[in-house]
Amino acid sequence: MQTTLKALVAMLTIMILAAPAFGSGCPGKMAEIDQRLAAGPMLDAEVLEEIVSLRTEGEAMHQRGQHSAAMAALEEALAVLEEAEGHDHH
């Protein structure tokens, strides 16, 4: 279990360094997810894995030019994150 968390944290660190932190749309949503995860919220490993997976999927779709689908995945990642943090909405 610790290995999985360490791998997810390593992936997150790479994504934070690689993600452009500007504007709105896909890059803005990716940066928001990265910043919020970097703040170290207390999340179950499964929830963290789901968020990182959706974020990664969103970035891949963005890179392929599938911006609507990317935004949907990134919004879902944010919704999962907010639900896990106990917020009603963002």
Protein backbone atom coordinates (compact mmCIF):
# COMPACT_ATOMS: atom_id res chain seq x y z
CA MET A 1 0.00 0.00 0.00
CA GLN A 2 2.81 2.44 0.84
CA THR A 3 4.48 1.67 -2.49
CA THR A 4 1.28 2.63 -4.31
CA LEU A 5 1.06 5.92 -2.41
CA LYS A 6 4.72 6.68 -3.09
CA ALA A 7 4.24 5.95 -6.78
CA LEU A 8 1.18 8.21 -6.91
CA VAL A 9 3.03 11.00 -5.13
CA ALA A 10 5.91 10.64 -7.59
CA MET A 11 3.48 10.80 -10.53
CA LEU A 12 1.81 13.84 -9.03
CA THR A 13 5.15 15.59 -8.58
CA ILE A 14 6.03 14.97 -12.21
CA MET A 15 2.63 16.26 -13.32
CA ILE A 16 2.98 19.41 -11.21
CA LEU A 17 6.34 20.17 -12.77
CA ALA A 18 5.09 19.45 -16.27
CA ALA A 19 1.70 21.14 -16.12
CA PRO A 20 1.38 24.69 -17.32
CA ALA A 21 -0.12 26.78 -14.53
CA PHE A 22 -1.95 29.34 -16.61
CA GLY A 23 -5.30 30.30 -18.01
CA SER A 24 -8.58 28.51 -17.90
CA GLY A 25 -9.73 25.44 -19.70
CA CYS A 26 -7.76 22.22 -19.60
CA PRO A 27 -4.41 23.62 -18.40
CA GLY A 28 -6.14 25.64 -15.70
CA LYS A 29 -8.08 22.61 -14.44
CA MET A 30 -4.93 20.46 -14.45
CA ALA A 31 -3.07 23.14 -12.48
CA GLU A 32 -5.94 23.42 -9.99
CA ILE A 33 -5.95 19.66 -9.40
CA ASP A 34 -2.16 19.61 -9.05
CA GLN A 35 -2.13 22.52 -6.59
CA ARG A 36 -4.89 21.06 -4.46
CA LEU A 37 -3.24 17.64 -4.32
CA ALA A 38 0.13 19.26 -3.55
CA ALA A 39 -1.50 20.81 -0.48
CA GLY A 40 -1.64 17.27 0.92
CA PRO A 41 -5.33 16.60 1.56
CA MET A 42 -6.06 13.49 3.61
CA LEU A 43 -7.34 11.06 1.00
CA ASP A 44 -7.77 7.30 0.80
CA ALA A 45 -5.27 5.68 -1.56
CA GLU A 46 -8.14 4.54 -3.82
CA VAL A 47 -9.58 8.07 -4.01
CA LEU A 48 -6.16 9.55 -4.74
CA GLU A 49 -5.59 6.95 -7.45
CA GLU A 50 -8.97 7.78 -9.04
CA ILE A 51 -8.21 11.52 -9.03
CA VAL A 52 -4.73 11.05 -10.50
CA SER A 53 -6.10 8.64 -13.12
CA LEU A 54 -8.81 11.09 -14.21
CA ARG A 55 -6.31 13.94 -14.26
CA THR A 56 -3.87 11.90 -16.38
CA GLU A 57 -6.69 10.85 -18.71
CA GLY A 58 -7.77 14.49 -19.03
CA GLU A 59 -4.24 15.60 -19.89
CA ALA A 60 -3.89 12.87 -22.53
CA MET A 61 -7.19 13.87 -24.14
CA HIS A 62 -6.15 17.54 -24.05
CA GLN A 63 -2.92 16.67 -25.85
CA ARG A 64 -4.94 14.81 -28.51
CA GLY A 65 -7.13 17.89 -29.00
CA GLN A 66 -10.18 16.31 -27.34
CA HIS A 67 -10.84 19.31 -25.12
CA SER A 68 -14.50 18.66 -24.28
CA ALA A 69 -13.73 15.12 -23.14
CA ALA A 70 -10.63 16.36 -21.32
CA MET A 71 -12.64 18.98 -19.45
CA ALA A 72 -15.20 16.34 -18.46
CA ALA A 73 -12.49 14.09 -17.01
CA LEU A 74 -10.80 17.00 -15.22
CA GLU A 75 -14.11 18.25 -13.80
CA GLU A 76 -14.84 14.71 -12.58
CA ALA A 77 -11.42 14.59 -10.89
CA LEU A 78 -12.20 17.88 -9.14
CA ALA A 79 -15.63 16.61 -8.09
CA VAL A 80 -14.11 13.45 -6.59
CA LEU A 81 -11.51 15.57 -4.81
CA GLU A 82 -14.10 17.93 -3.40
CA GLU A 83 -16.36 15.10 -2.29
CA ALA A 84 -13.41 13.44 -0.55
CA GLU A 85 -12.56 16.74 1.15
CA GLY A 86 -16.17 17.10 2.28
CA HIS A 87 -17.08 20.10 0.10
CA ASP A 88 -20.43 20.39 -1.64
CA HIS A 89 -19.16 22.21 -4.74
CA HIS A 90 -16.18 24.16 -6.15
